[in-house]
Amino acid sequence: MYKYLIIKKILFVILLLIVFTGCSRTGSNKLTLKEKISESYEYYSNIKCSNIDNVIDLNFGGFVTKNKAYELDVEQLYSNGENCKEVSINNLDDEIIMGSGQSIAYTKKFAYGIGKNYQKVIYSNKEYPLFSTLGNMILYHSSNYTNGYYIVSIDNKIKMIKTIGNEEEITIKNIIDVDTDFSSDEQVLSISEYFIKTNKAYYKIIKYKENKEECEKYADIRCKYNYKISKDKVLTSNYNDILFAGFYIVDKDHNIYKYK
């Protein structure tokens, strides 16, 4: 009889563990998309902007689709009742491939100032034309490519380039390989300042100082920068629900999150 009671108690404890564990798992599976992303990124706001579903690039103050540009205010509505408003681009020659806030939209040949007060800007370089260069090149956006380090995809390989120059001519000084763990059939689709999107996953772009200890200690030693690429588990697990990932992350419900 005593043994029977002990066995009964053990079975009861096991049953309780199964019930509570099951409830915990069920609860975690019921997290909303907003709750899942907010575990890693700071929720900012929910916006009204029907055209953001077609976003291909987004930065402070604006975003672009393949053939249009928009101003964006994540805190206030425009007079059209939305957080975004279309702005004009004069004499667009081709599909837009990326943008830079509310100031510039890029095609493969030209950079366009957005709005009626801007004119077409031509970036030229005999050795390395800015976009039709070195095979299939994807360059992350910035309002100024003239001097700096940038992450690019050249023939689906991630590189770091250093550029010098001005608005009329840009020279690429260095091209350095950046290690990735892409699978053999993984293709780069886009690059923002903080993320690389492939056909399978999102990857964080992490900038670091190779000689951090020395360059922060001594005034006469310049910091040497490099990048590492790391798969983002949260965005990848919700891959089909993410519209854009950069400084701002936008999900299918038009929730905005900040990169942190």
C-alpha atoms as a PDB file:
ATOM      1  CA  MET A   1       0.000   0.000   0.000  1.00  0.00           C
ATOM      2  CA  TYR A   2       2.822   2.389   0.941  1.00  0.00           C
ATOM      3  CA  LYS A   3       4.662   1.662  -2.320  1.00  0.00           C
ATOM      4  CA  TYR A   4       1.447   2.295  -4.239  1.00  0.00           C
ATOM      5  CA  LEU A   5       1.068   5.755  -2.633  1.00  0.00           C
ATOM      6  CA  ILE A   6       4.676   6.651  -3.476  1.00  0.00           C
ATOM      7  CA  ILE A   7       4.165   5.607  -7.105  1.00  0.00           C
ATOM      8  CA  LYS A   8       0.965   7.654  -7.185  1.00  0.00           C
ATOM      9  CA  LYS A   9       2.772  10.748  -5.899  1.00  0.00           C
ATOM     10  CA  ILE A  10       5.576  10.331  -8.431  1.00  0.00           C
ATOM     11  CA  LEU A  11       3.070  10.023 -11.284  1.00  0.00           C
ATOM     12  CA  PHE A  12       1.222  13.091  -9.989  1.00  0.00           C
ATOM     13  CA  VAL A  13       4.448  15.152  -9.958  1.00  0.00           C
ATOM     14  CA  ILE A  14       5.301  13.977 -13.492  1.00  0.00           C
ATOM     15  CA  LEU A  15       1.798  14.941 -14.638  1.00  0.00           C
ATOM     16  CA  LEU A  16       2.181  18.433 -13.145  1.00  0.00           C
ATOM     17  CA  LEU A  17       5.538  18.900 -14.880  1.00  0.00           C
ATOM     18  CA  ILE A  18       4.025  17.888 -18.223  1.00  0.00           C
ATOM     19  CA  VAL A  19       1.071  20.266 -17.770  1.00  0.00           C
ATOM     20  CA  PHE A  20       3.189  23.278 -16.769  1.00  0.00           C
ATOM     21  CA  THR A  21       5.837  22.632 -19.422  1.00  0.00           C
ATOM     22  CA  GLY A  22       3.148  22.284 -22.051  1.00  0.00           C
ATOM     23  CA  CYS A  23       1.501  25.540 -20.973  1.00  0.00           C
ATOM     24  CA  SER A  24       4.810  27.335 -21.109  1.00  0.00           C
ATOM     25  CA  ARG A  25       5.492  26.124 -24.639  1.00  0.00           C
ATOM     26  CA  THR A  26       2.002  26.971 -25.807  1.00  0.00           C
ATOM     27  CA  GLY A  27       2.352  30.465 -24.355  1.00  0.00           C
ATOM     28  CA  SER A  28       5.663  31.112 -26.117  1.00  0.00           C
ATOM     29  CA  ASN A  29       4.198  29.962 -29.441  1.00  0.00           C
ATOM     30  CA  LYS A  30       1.424  32.535 -29.089  1.00  0.00           C
ATOM     31  CA  LEU A  31       3.783  35.517 -29.001  1.00  0.00           C
ATOM     32  CA  THR A  32       2.757  38.157 -31.520  1.00  0.00           C
ATOM     33  CA  LEU A  33       5.145  39.257 -34.246  1.00  0.00           C
ATOM     34  CA  LYS A  34       5.629  42.548 -32.404  1.00  0.00           C
ATOM     35  CA  GLU A  35       6.524  40.722 -29.175  1.00  0.00           C
ATOM     36  CA  LYS A  36       8.995  38.435 -30.956  1.00  0.00           C
ATOM     37  CA  ILE A  37      10.898  41.274 -32.634  1.00  0.00           C
ATOM     38  CA  SER A  38      10.739  43.481 -29.528  1.00  0.00           C
ATOM     39  CA  GLU A  39      12.775  40.890 -27.655  1.00  0.00           C
ATOM     40  CA  SER A  40      15.813  42.017 -29.675  1.00  0.00           C
ATOM     41  CA  TYR A  41      14.912  45.436 -31.081  1.00  0.00           C
ATOM     42  CA  GLU A  42      13.336  48.511 -29.544  1.00  0.00           C
ATOM     43  CA  TYR A  43       9.720  49.032 -30.637  1.00  0.00           C
ATOM     44  CA  TYR A  44       9.225  52.611 -31.829  1.00  0.00           C
ATOM     45  CA  SER A  45       5.773  53.097 -33.337  1.00  0.00           C
ATOM     46  CA  ASN A  46       3.102  51.771 -35.661  1.00  0.00           C
ATOM     47  CA  ILE A  47       2.653  53.796 -38.843  1.00  0.00           C
ATOM     48  CA  LYS A  48      -0.054  54.338 -41.438  1.00  0.00           C
ATOM     49  CA  CYS A  49       1.606  54.044 -44.838  1.00  0.00           C
ATOM     50  CA  SER A  50       0.065  51.768 -47.465  1.00  0.00           C
ATOM     51  CA  ASN A  51       2.947  52.117 -49.924  1.00  0.00           C
ATOM     52  CA  ILE A  52       5.620  50.964 -47.488  1.00  0.00           C
ATOM     53  CA  ASP A  53       4.676  47.370 -48.371  1.00  0.00           C
ATOM     54  CA  ASN A  54       6.770  47.855 -51.537  1.00  0.00           C
ATOM     55  CA  VAL A  55       9.807  49.395 -49.808  1.00  0.00           C
ATOM     56  CA  ILE A  56      13.234  48.481 -51.207  1.00  0.00           C
ATOM     57  CA  ASP A  57      15.250  50.963 -49.159  1.00  0.00           C
ATOM     58  CA  LEU A  58      14.529  53.152 -46.151  1.00  0.00           C
ATOM     59  CA  ASN A  59      16.543  55.676 -44.183  1.00  0.00           C
ATOM     60  CA  PHE A  60      15.989  58.694 -41.962  1.00  0.00           C
ATOM     61  CA  GLY A  61      13.095  60.723 -43.310  1.00  0.00           C
ATOM     62  CA  GLY A  62      12.225  58.705 -46.397  1.00  0.00           C
ATOM     63  CA  PHE A  63      12.024  55.482 -48.387  1.00  0.00           C
ATOM     64  CA  VAL A  64      11.908  54.359 -52.021  1.00  0.00           C
ATOM     65  CA  THR A  65      10.085  51.713 -54.031  1.00  0.00           C
ATOM     66  CA  LYS A  66      11.184  50.619 -57.517  1.00  0.00           C
ATOM     67  CA  ASN A  67       9.740  53.707 -59.183  1.00  0.00           C
ATOM     68  CA  LYS A  68       8.701  56.177 -56.469  1.00  0.00           C
ATOM     69  CA  ALA A  69      10.113  58.087 -53.502  1.00  0.00           C
ATOM     70  CA  TYR A  70       8.398  59.045 -50.268  1.00  0.00           C
ATOM     71  CA  GLU A  71       8.968  61.285 -47.302  1.00  0.00           C
ATOM     72  CA  LEU A  72       8.450  59.461 -44.006  1.00  0.00           C
ATOM     73  CA  ASP A  73       7.629  60.796 -40.547  1.00  0.00           C
ATOM     74  CA  VAL A  74       7.242  58.037 -37.962  1.00  0.00           C
ATOM     75  CA  GLU A  75       5.796  60.422 -35.352  1.00  0.00           C
ATOM     76  CA  GLN A  76       3.373  62.688 -37.246  1.00  0.00           C
ATOM     77  CA  LEU A  77       0.792  62.277 -40.013  1.00  0.00           C
ATOM     78  CA  TYR A  78       0.884  64.256 -43.243  1.00  0.00           C
ATOM     79  CA  SER A  79      -2.231  66.016 -44.550  1.00  0.00           C
ATOM     80  CA  ASN A  80      -3.071  62.845 -46.531  1.00  0.00           C
ATOM     81  CA  GLY A  81      -3.731  61.044 -43.235  1.00  0.00           C
ATOM     82  CA  GLU A  82      -0.639  58.825 -43.482  1.00  0.00           C
ATOM     83  CA  ASN A  83       2.902  58.858 -42.113  1.00  0.00           C
ATOM     84  CA  CYS A  84       4.301  58.942 -45.651  1.00  0.00           C
ATOM     85  CA  LYS A  85       3.928  61.227 -48.645  1.00  0.00           C
ATOM     86  CA  GLU A  86       5.054  60.749 -52.247  1.00  0.00           C
ATOM     87  CA  VAL A  87       7.630  63.223 -53.573  1.00  0.00           C
ATOM     88  CA  SER A  88       8.652  63.849 -57.163  1.00  0.00           C
ATOM     89  CA  ILE A  89      11.682  62.567 -59.053  1.00  0.00           C
ATOM     90  CA  ASN A  90      12.360  64.274 -62.391  1.00  0.00           C
ATOM     91  CA  ASN A  91      13.069  62.245 -65.552  1.00  0.00           C
ATOM     92  CA  LEU A  92      13.676  58.875 -63.913  1.00  0.00           C
ATOM     93  CA  ASP A  93      15.734  56.755 -66.347  1.00  0.00           C
ATOM     94  CA  ASP A  94      15.426  53.299 -64.796  1.00  0.00           C
ATOM     95  CA  GLU A  95      14.178  51.357 -61.787  1.00  0.00           C
ATOM     96  CA  ILE A  96      15.322  52.679 -58.422  1.00  0.00           C
ATOM     97  CA  ILE A  97      17.692  50.256 -56.705  1.00  0.00           C
ATOM     98  CA  MET A  98      18.172  52.137 -53.426  1.00  0.00           C
ATOM     99  CA  GLY A  99      17.711  55.467 -51.695  1.00  0.00           C
ATOM    100  CA  SER A 100      19.197  57.716 -49.072  1.00  0.00           C
ATOM    101  CA  GLY A 101      16.592  59.185 -46.750  1.00  0.00           C
ATOM    102  CA  GLN A 102      14.525  61.891 -48.379  1.00  0.00           C
ATOM    103  CA  SER A 103      17.391  63.351 -50.392  1.00  0.00           C
ATOM    104  CA  ILE A 104      18.652  60.922 -53.056  1.00  0.00           C
ATOM    105  CA  ALA A 105      17.339  57.973 -55.080  1.00  0.00           C
ATOM    106  CA  TYR A 106      19.747  55.793 -57.057  1.00  0.00           C
ATOM    107  CA  THR A 107      19.362  53.836 -60.282  1.00  0.00           C
ATOM    108  CA  LYS A 108      22.168  51.805 -61.871  1.00  0.00           C
ATOM    109  CA  LYS A 109      23.360  54.876 -63.774  1.00  0.00           C
ATOM    110  CA  PHE A 110      22.444  57.987 -61.837  1.00  0.00           C
ATOM    111  CA  ALA A 111      21.746  59.505 -58.460  1.00  0.00           C
ATOM    112  CA  TYR A 112      18.567  61.598 -58.368  1.00  0.00           C
ATOM    113  CA  GLY A 113      17.783  64.402 -55.990  1.00  0.00           C
ATOM    114  CA  ILE A 114      14.255  63.902 -54.659  1.00  0.00           C
ATOM    115  CA  GLY A 115      11.816  66.804 -54.863  1.00  0.00           C
ATOM    116  CA  LYS A 116      11.367  69.643 -57.353  1.00  0.00           C
ATOM    117  CA  ASN A 117      14.378  71.593 -56.129  1.00  0.00           C
ATOM    118  CA  TYR A 118      16.850  68.814 -56.931  1.00  0.00           C
ATOM    119  CA  GLN A 119      18.493  67.881 -60.246  1.00  0.00           C
ATOM    120  CA  LYS A 120      20.035  64.665 -61.534  1.00  0.00           C
ATOM    121  CA  VAL A 121      23.520  64.071 -60.109  1.00  0.00           C
ATOM    122  CA  ILE A 122      25.962  62.036 -62.185  1.00  0.00           C
ATOM    123  CA  TYR A 123      28.636  60.033 -60.409  1.00  0.00           C
ATOM    124  CA  SER A 124      31.324  58.929 -62.829  1.00  0.00           C
ATOM    125  CA  ASN A 125      34.566  57.003 -62.661  1.00  0.00           C
ATOM    126  CA  LYS A 126      36.458  55.574 -65.626  1.00  0.00           C
ATOM    127  CA  GLU A 127      37.889  52.660 -63.712  1.00  0.00           C
ATOM    128  CA  TYR A 128      34.975  51.748 -61.450  1.00  0.00           C
ATOM    129  CA  PRO A 129      31.531  53.080 -62.465  1.00  0.00           C
ATOM    130  CA  LEU A 130      29.643  53.299 -59.191  1.00  0.00           C
ATOM    131  CA  PHE A 131      26.973  50.651 -59.761  1.00  0.00           C
ATOM    132  CA  SER A 132      27.735  48.713 -62.969  1.00  0.00           C
ATOM    133  CA  THR A 133      31.051  47.592 -61.562  1.00  0.00           C
ATOM    134  CA  LEU A 134      33.135  44.491 -60.975  1.00  0.00           C
ATOM    135  CA  GLY A 135      30.365  42.065 -61.836  1.00  0.00           C
ATOM    136  CA  ASN A 136      27.130  42.222 -59.861  1.00  0.00           C
ATOM    137  CA  MET A 137      27.711  44.875 -57.196  1.00  0.00           C
ATOM    138  CA  ILE A 138      25.270  45.855 -54.462  1.00  0.00           C
ATOM    139  CA  LEU A 139      26.315  48.820 -52.332  1.00  0.00           C
ATOM    140  CA  TYR A 140      24.669  49.893 -49.107  1.00  0.00           C
ATOM    141  CA  HIS A 141      23.187  53.366 -49.103  1.00  0.00           C
ATOM    142  CA  SER A 142      24.677  56.615 -47.870  1.00  0.00           C
ATOM    143  CA  SER A 143      24.048  60.207 -48.873  1.00  0.00           C
ATOM    144  CA  ASN A 144      27.742  60.499 -49.735  1.00  0.00           C
ATOM    145  CA  TYR A 145      29.970  57.805 -51.213  1.00  0.00           C
ATOM    146  CA  THR A 146      32.948  60.050 -51.718  1.00  0.00           C
ATOM    147  CA  ASN A 147      35.085  59.090 -48.720  1.00  0.00           C
ATOM    148  CA  GLY A 148      34.682  56.145 -46.400  1.00  0.00           C
ATOM    149  CA  TYR A 149      34.457  52.410 -45.873  1.00  0.00           C
ATOM    150  CA  TYR A 150      31.484  50.519 -47.280  1.00  0.00           C
ATOM    151  CA  ILE A 151      30.128  46.989 -47.411  1.00  0.00           C
ATOM    152  CA  VAL A 152      29.348  45.709 -50.901  1.00  0.00           C
ATOM    153  CA  SER A 153      28.393  42.482 -52.620  1.00  0.00           C
ATOM    154  CA  ILE A 154      30.452  41.732 -55.723  1.00  0.00           C
ATOM    155  CA  ASP A 155      29.372  38.586 -57.569  1.00  0.00           C
ATOM    156  CA  ASN A 156      27.622  37.501 -54.357  1.00  0.00           C
ATOM    157  CA  LYS A 157      30.827  37.844 -52.305  1.00  0.00           C
ATOM    158  CA  ILE A 158      30.852  40.362 -49.436  1.00  0.00           C
ATOM    159  CA  LYS A 159      33.665  42.914 -49.606  1.00  0.00           C
ATOM    160  CA  MET A 160      34.728  46.041 -47.761  1.00  0.00           C
ATOM    161  CA  ILE A 161      35.781  48.907 -50.005  1.00  0.00           C
ATOM    162  CA  LYS A 162      37.454  52.218 -49.256  1.00  0.00           C
ATOM    163  CA  THR A 163      36.516  55.164 -51.473  1.00  0.00           C
ATOM    164  CA  ILE A 164      37.983  58.625 -51.972  1.00  0.00           C
ATOM    165  CA  GLY A 165      36.882  61.401 -54.300  1.00  0.00           C
ATOM    166  CA  ASN A 166      34.165  63.965 -54.852  1.00  0.00           C
ATOM    167  CA  GLU A 167      30.688  64.137 -56.392  1.00  0.00           C
ATOM    168  CA  GLU A 168      32.102  64.054 -59.925  1.00  0.00           C
ATOM    169  CA  GLU A 169      34.548  61.204 -59.573  1.00  0.00           C
ATOM    170  CA  ILE A 170      35.008  58.433 -57.054  1.00  0.00           C
ATOM    171  CA  THR A 171      37.990  56.093 -56.796  1.00  0.00           C
ATOM    172  CA  ILE A 172      37.896  52.756 -55.009  1.00  0.00           C
ATOM    173  CA  LYS A 173      41.213  52.404 -53.191  1.00  0.00           C
ATOM    174  CA  ASN A 174      40.912  49.051 -51.439  1.00  0.00           C
ATOM    175  CA  ILE A 175      38.758  45.942 -51.802  1.00  0.00           C
ATOM    176  CA  ILE A 176      38.958  43.530 -48.842  1.00  0.00           C
ATOM    177  CA  ASP A 177      37.183  40.180 -48.444  1.00  0.00           C
ATOM    178  CA  VAL A 178      34.726  39.818 -45.543  1.00  0.00           C
ATOM    179  CA  ASP A 179      34.063  36.294 -44.236  1.00  0.00           C
ATOM    180  CA  THR A 180      30.478  34.972 -44.262  1.00  0.00           C
ATOM    181  CA  ASP A 181      28.807  31.633 -43.622  1.00  0.00           C
ATOM    182  CA  PHE A 182      26.426  31.825 -46.600  1.00  0.00           C
ATOM    183  CA  SER A 183      25.227  28.494 -47.946  1.00  0.00           C
ATOM    184  CA  SER A 184      26.211  27.556 -51.503  1.00  0.00           C
ATOM    185  CA  ASP A 185      22.821  28.527 -52.965  1.00  0.00           C
ATOM    186  CA  GLU A 186      22.383  31.734 -50.928  1.00  0.00           C
ATOM    187  CA  GLN A 187      22.065  34.971 -52.926  1.00  0.00           C
ATOM    188  CA  VAL A 188      22.509  38.529 -51.657  1.00  0.00           C
ATOM    189  CA  LEU A 189      19.347  40.562 -52.308  1.00  0.00           C
ATOM    190  CA  SER A 190      20.095  43.860 -50.554  1.00  0.00           C
ATOM    191  CA  ILE A 191      22.443  45.577 -48.125  1.00  0.00           C
ATOM    192  CA  SER A 192      21.536  48.301 -45.649  1.00  0.00           C
ATOM    193  CA  GLU A 193      23.868  50.014 -43.217  1.00  0.00           C
ATOM    194  CA  TYR A 194      23.262  47.356 -40.557  1.00  0.00           C
ATOM    195  CA  PHE A 195      21.961  44.263 -42.357  1.00  0.00           C
ATOM    196  CA  ILE A 196      22.493  42.024 -45.357  1.00  0.00           C
ATOM    197  CA  LYS A 197      19.391  40.312 -46.718  1.00  0.00           C
ATOM    198  CA  THR A 198      19.804  37.122 -48.727  1.00  0.00           C
ATOM    199  CA  ASN A 199      17.146  34.848 -50.217  1.00  0.00           C
ATOM    200  CA  LYS A 200      17.304  32.783 -47.010  1.00  0.00           C
ATOM    201  CA  ALA A 201      18.270  34.946 -44.027  1.00  0.00           C
ATOM    202  CA  TYR A 202      19.136  38.312 -42.480  1.00  0.00           C
ATOM    203  CA  TYR A 203      22.701  39.004 -41.322  1.00  0.00           C
ATOM    204  CA  LYS A 204      23.955  41.754 -39.028  1.00  0.00           C
ATOM    205  CA  ILE A 205      26.855  43.887 -40.236  1.00  0.00           C
ATOM    206  CA  ILE A 206      29.093  44.473 -37.228  1.00  0.00           C
ATOM    207  CA  LYS A 207      31.832  47.088 -37.563  1.00  0.00           C
ATOM    208  CA  TYR A 208      34.812  46.765 -35.235  1.00  0.00           C
ATOM    209  CA  LYS A 209      38.308  48.174 -34.690  1.00  0.00           C
ATOM    210  CA  GLU A 210      41.067  45.688 -35.474  1.00  0.00           C
ATOM    211  CA  ASN A 211      43.581  47.608 -33.350  1.00  0.00           C
ATOM    212  CA  LYS A 212      41.118  48.857 -30.719  1.00  0.00           C
ATOM    213  CA  GLU A 213      43.511  48.791 -27.759  1.00  0.00           C
ATOM    214  CA  GLU A 214      46.315  50.700 -29.485  1.00  0.00           C
ATOM    215  CA  CYS A 215      44.255  53.261 -31.432  1.00  0.00           C
ATOM    216  CA  GLU A 216      42.169  54.204 -28.386  1.00  0.00           C
ATOM    217  CA  LYS A 217      45.270  54.530 -26.243  1.00  0.00           C
ATOM    218  CA  TYR A 218      47.613  56.501 -28.530  1.00  0.00           C
ATOM    219  CA  ALA A 219      46.811  59.778 -30.316  1.00  0.00           C
ATOM    220  CA  ASP A 220      49.110  59.044 -33.260  1.00  0.00           C
ATOM    221  CA  ILE A 221      47.696  55.605 -34.139  1.00  0.00           C
ATOM    222  CA  ARG A 222      44.699  55.531 -36.443  1.00  0.00           C
ATOM    223  CA  CYS A 223      41.998  52.941 -35.930  1.00  0.00           C
ATOM    224  CA  LYS A 224      41.802  50.185 -38.549  1.00  0.00           C
ATOM    225  CA  TYR A 225      38.216  49.113 -39.184  1.00  0.00           C
ATOM    226  CA  ASN A 226      36.833  45.839 -40.403  1.00  0.00           C
ATOM    227  CA  TYR A 227      33.450  44.087 -40.476  1.00  0.00           C
ATOM    228  CA  LYS A 228      32.067  40.758 -39.414  1.00  0.00           C
ATOM    229  CA  ILE A 229      28.790  39.246 -40.580  1.00  0.00           C
ATOM    230  CA  SER A 230      26.544  37.378 -38.152  1.00  0.00           C
ATOM    231  CA  LYS A 231      23.165  35.737 -38.855  1.00  0.00           C
ATOM    232  CA  ASP A 232      20.265  37.487 -37.078  1.00  0.00           C
ATOM    233  CA  LYS A 233      18.148  34.709 -35.580  1.00  0.00           C
ATOM    234  CA  VAL A 234      15.099  36.856 -34.772  1.00  0.00           C
ATOM    235  CA  LEU A 235      14.720  38.456 -38.218  1.00  0.00           C
ATOM    236  CA  THR A 236      15.582  35.207 -39.994  1.00  0.00           C
ATOM    237  CA  SER A 237      12.966  33.219 -38.052  1.00  0.00           C
ATOM    238  CA  ASN A 238      10.387  35.856 -39.087  1.00  0.00           C
ATOM    239  CA  TYR A 239      11.863  36.307 -42.570  1.00  0.00           C
ATOM    240  CA  ASN A 240       8.601  36.536 -44.529  1.00  0.00           C
ATOM    241  CA  ASP A 241       7.129  39.073 -42.096  1.00  0.00           C
ATOM    242  CA  ILE A 242       9.930  41.657 -42.435  1.00  0.00           C
ATOM    243  CA  LEU A 243       9.527  44.428 -45.023  1.00  0.00           C
ATOM    244  CA  PHE A 244      12.865  46.125 -44.390  1.00  0.00           C
ATOM    245  CA  ALA A 245      15.811  45.946 -41.980  1.00  0.00           C
ATOM    246  CA  GLY A 246      18.231  48.820 -41.472  1.00  0.00           C
ATOM    247  CA  PHE A 247      18.451  51.468 -38.762  1.00  0.00           C
ATOM    248  CA  TYR A 248      14.666  51.129 -38.802  1.00  0.00           C
ATOM    249  CA  ILE A 249      13.164  47.642 -39.016  1.00  0.00           C
ATOM    250  CA  VAL A 250       9.652  47.457 -40.504  1.00  0.00           C
ATOM    251  CA  ASP A 251       7.386  44.434 -40.178  1.00  0.00           C
ATOM    252  CA  LYS A 252       4.308  43.456 -42.231  1.00  0.00           C
ATOM    253  CA  ASP A 253       2.001  45.106 -39.677  1.00  0.00           C
ATOM    254  CA  HIS A 254       3.841  48.416 -40.234  1.00  0.00           C
ATOM    255  CA  ASN A 255       5.437  48.364 -36.809  1.00  0.00           C
ATOM    256  CA  ILE A 256       8.724  50.272 -36.658  1.00  0.00           C
ATOM    257  CA  TYR A 257      11.650  49.131 -34.502  1.00  0.00           C
ATOM    258  CA  LYS A 258      15.017  50.776 -33.903  1.00  0.00           C
ATOM    259  CA  TYR A 259      18.308  48.990 -34.389  1.00  0.00           C
ATOM    260  CA  LYS A 260      20.159  48.887 -31.067  1.00  0.00           C
END
